[in-house]
Amino acid sequence: MGLAHSRVTAQGQISVPAAVRRKLGIGPGAVLEWEDRGNQVLVRRAGRFTSEDVHGALFHGRPPQPRTVEEMKEGVRRHIKARHARG
């Protein structure tokens, strides 16, 4: 997919280009997440996590230790619950 463009309306709305919608598998009512990464903003479909997100949830910044599949699943569950907790 090449570079896609959107125009911002006076109300701050944008259209997501069709190629991007297809790639992300999104349609009407889909929720997008916007993440500030310094001089970049990452936009992704809500509920999708990067390998960095999963690694952080499992290892809390420490070098990886051997884990069982159940321990890994529990780490992912805790991360998702914390990330989507209502405050």
C-alpha atoms as a PDB file:
ATOM      1  CA  MET A   1       0.000   0.000   0.000  1.00  0.00           C
ATOM      2  CA  GLY A   2       1.365   3.390  -0.936  1.00  0.00           C
ATOM      3  CA  LEU A   3       1.075   6.591   1.032  1.00  0.00           C
ATOM      4  CA  ALA A   4      -2.570   7.412   1.799  1.00  0.00           C
ATOM      5  CA  HIS A   5      -3.975  10.884   2.484  1.00  0.00           C
ATOM      6  CA  SER A   6      -6.954  12.205   4.429  1.00  0.00           C
ATOM      7  CA  ARG A   7      -8.285  15.738   4.790  1.00  0.00           C
ATOM      8  CA  VAL A   8      -9.372  17.032   8.206  1.00  0.00           C
ATOM      9  CA  THR A   9     -12.779  18.768   8.270  1.00  0.00           C
ATOM     10  CA  ALA A  10     -13.550  21.912  10.295  1.00  0.00           C
ATOM     11  CA  GLN A  11     -15.089  19.592  12.919  1.00  0.00           C
ATOM     12  CA  GLY A  12     -11.830  17.594  13.189  1.00  0.00           C
ATOM     13  CA  GLN A  13     -13.143  14.566  11.323  1.00  0.00           C
ATOM     14  CA  ILE A  14     -11.212  12.502   8.787  1.00  0.00           C
ATOM     15  CA  SER A  15     -12.023   9.815   6.249  1.00  0.00           C
ATOM     16  CA  VAL A  16      -9.997   6.626   6.455  1.00  0.00           C
ATOM     17  CA  PRO A  17      -8.853   5.682   2.940  1.00  0.00           C
ATOM     18  CA  ALA A  18     -10.408   2.479   1.545  1.00  0.00           C
ATOM     19  CA  ALA A  19      -7.032   0.718   1.263  1.00  0.00           C
ATOM     20  CA  VAL A  20      -6.353   1.402   4.966  1.00  0.00           C
ATOM     21  CA  ARG A  21      -9.848   0.205   5.964  1.00  0.00           C
ATOM     22  CA  ARG A  22      -9.298  -3.036   4.050  1.00  0.00           C
ATOM     23  CA  LYS A  23      -5.824  -3.559   5.540  1.00  0.00           C
ATOM     24  CA  LEU A  24      -7.075  -2.993   9.119  1.00  0.00           C
ATOM     25  CA  GLY A  25     -10.328  -4.858   8.549  1.00  0.00           C
ATOM     26  CA  ILE A  26     -12.430  -1.959   9.806  1.00  0.00           C
ATOM     27  CA  GLY A  27     -15.883  -0.751   8.902  1.00  0.00           C
ATOM     28  CA  PRO A  28     -18.602   1.498  10.294  1.00  0.00           C
ATOM     29  CA  GLY A  29     -18.465   1.660  14.086  1.00  0.00           C
ATOM     30  CA  ALA A  30     -14.879   0.388  14.312  1.00  0.00           C
ATOM     31  CA  VAL A  31     -12.737   1.912  17.054  1.00  0.00           C
ATOM     32  CA  LEU A  32      -9.248   3.206  16.280  1.00  0.00           C
ATOM     33  CA  GLU A  33      -6.492   3.897  18.815  1.00  0.00           C
ATOM     34  CA  TRP A  34      -4.126   6.844  18.448  1.00  0.00           C
ATOM     35  CA  GLU A  35      -0.747   6.511  20.162  1.00  0.00           C
ATOM     36  CA  ASP A  36       1.673   9.427  20.535  1.00  0.00           C
ATOM     37  CA  ARG A  37       5.219   8.262  19.810  1.00  0.00           C
ATOM     38  CA  GLY A  38       7.120  11.532  20.007  1.00  0.00           C
ATOM     39  CA  ASN A  39       7.365  12.832  16.455  1.00  0.00           C
ATOM     40  CA  GLN A  40       4.966  10.164  15.129  1.00  0.00           C
ATOM     41  CA  VAL A  41       1.387   9.117  15.829  1.00  0.00           C
ATOM     42  CA  LEU A  42       0.497   5.450  15.445  1.00  0.00           C
ATOM     43  CA  VAL A  43      -3.088   4.657  14.456  1.00  0.00           C
ATOM     44  CA  ARG A  44      -4.315   1.091  14.822  1.00  0.00           C
ATOM     45  CA  ARG A  45      -7.518  -0.838  15.171  1.00  0.00           C
ATOM     46  CA  ALA A  46      -8.389  -1.123  18.861  1.00  0.00           C
ATOM     47  CA  GLY A  47      -7.709  -4.537  20.306  1.00  0.00           C
ATOM     48  CA  ARG A  48      -4.607  -5.217  18.251  1.00  0.00           C
ATOM     49  CA  PHE A  49      -1.341  -5.226  20.124  1.00  0.00           C
ATOM     50  CA  THR A  50       2.238  -4.910  18.971  1.00  0.00           C
ATOM     51  CA  SER A  51       4.902  -7.433  19.907  1.00  0.00           C
ATOM     52  CA  GLU A  52       6.291  -4.716  22.215  1.00  0.00           C
ATOM     53  CA  ASP A  53       2.929  -4.543  24.025  1.00  0.00           C
ATOM     54  CA  VAL A  54       2.873  -8.318  24.516  1.00  0.00           C
ATOM     55  CA  HIS A  55       6.513  -8.432  25.629  1.00  0.00           C
ATOM     56  CA  GLY A  56       5.915  -5.651  28.169  1.00  0.00           C
ATOM     57  CA  ALA A  57       2.833  -7.424  29.511  1.00  0.00           C
ATOM     58  CA  LEU A  58       4.684 -10.690  29.948  1.00  0.00           C
ATOM     59  CA  PHE A  59       8.089  -9.546  31.158  1.00  0.00           C
ATOM     60  CA  HIS A  60       7.559  -6.041  32.646  1.00  0.00           C
ATOM     61  CA  GLY A  61      10.780  -4.793  31.015  1.00  0.00           C
ATOM     62  CA  ARG A  62      12.936  -7.602  32.430  1.00  0.00           C
ATOM     63  CA  PRO A  63      14.801 -10.087  30.263  1.00  0.00           C
ATOM     64  CA  PRO A  64      12.508 -13.000  29.359  1.00  0.00           C
ATOM     65  CA  GLN A  65      12.371 -15.912  31.793  1.00  0.00           C
ATOM     66  CA  PRO A  66      11.106 -19.361  30.840  1.00  0.00           C
ATOM     67  CA  ARG A  67       7.286 -19.389  31.174  1.00  0.00           C
ATOM     68  CA  THR A  68       4.529 -21.915  30.652  1.00  0.00           C
ATOM     69  CA  VAL A  69       1.821 -21.269  28.099  1.00  0.00           C
ATOM     70  CA  GLU A  70      -0.660 -20.676  30.948  1.00  0.00           C
ATOM     71  CA  GLU A  71       1.666 -18.082  32.522  1.00  0.00           C
ATOM     72  CA  MET A  72       1.935 -16.291  29.176  1.00  0.00           C
ATOM     73  CA  LYS A  73      -1.839 -16.352  28.684  1.00  0.00           C
ATOM     74  CA  GLU A  74      -2.354 -14.925  32.179  1.00  0.00           C
ATOM     75  CA  GLY A  75       0.148 -12.132  31.476  1.00  0.00           C
ATOM     76  CA  VAL A  76      -1.741 -11.204  28.304  1.00  0.00           C
ATOM     77  CA  ARG A  77      -5.082 -11.301  30.202  1.00  0.00           C
ATOM     78  CA  ARG A  78      -3.730  -8.980  32.930  1.00  0.00           C
ATOM     79  CA  HIS A  79      -2.346  -6.540  30.365  1.00  0.00           C
ATOM     80  CA  ILE A  80      -5.610  -6.377  28.395  1.00  0.00           C
ATOM     81  CA  LYS A  81      -7.669  -5.982  31.587  1.00  0.00           C
ATOM     82  CA  ALA A  82      -5.420  -3.156  32.832  1.00  0.00           C
ATOM     83  CA  ARG A  83      -5.329  -1.420  29.472  1.00  0.00           C
ATOM     84  CA  HIS A  84      -9.097  -1.414  29.103  1.00  0.00           C
ATOM     85  CA  ALA A  85     -10.024  -0.806  32.753  1.00  0.00           C
ATOM     86  CA  ARG A  86     -12.359   2.072  33.353  1.00  0.00           C
ATOM     87  CA  GLY A  87     -10.936   4.594  35.796  1.00  0.00           C
END
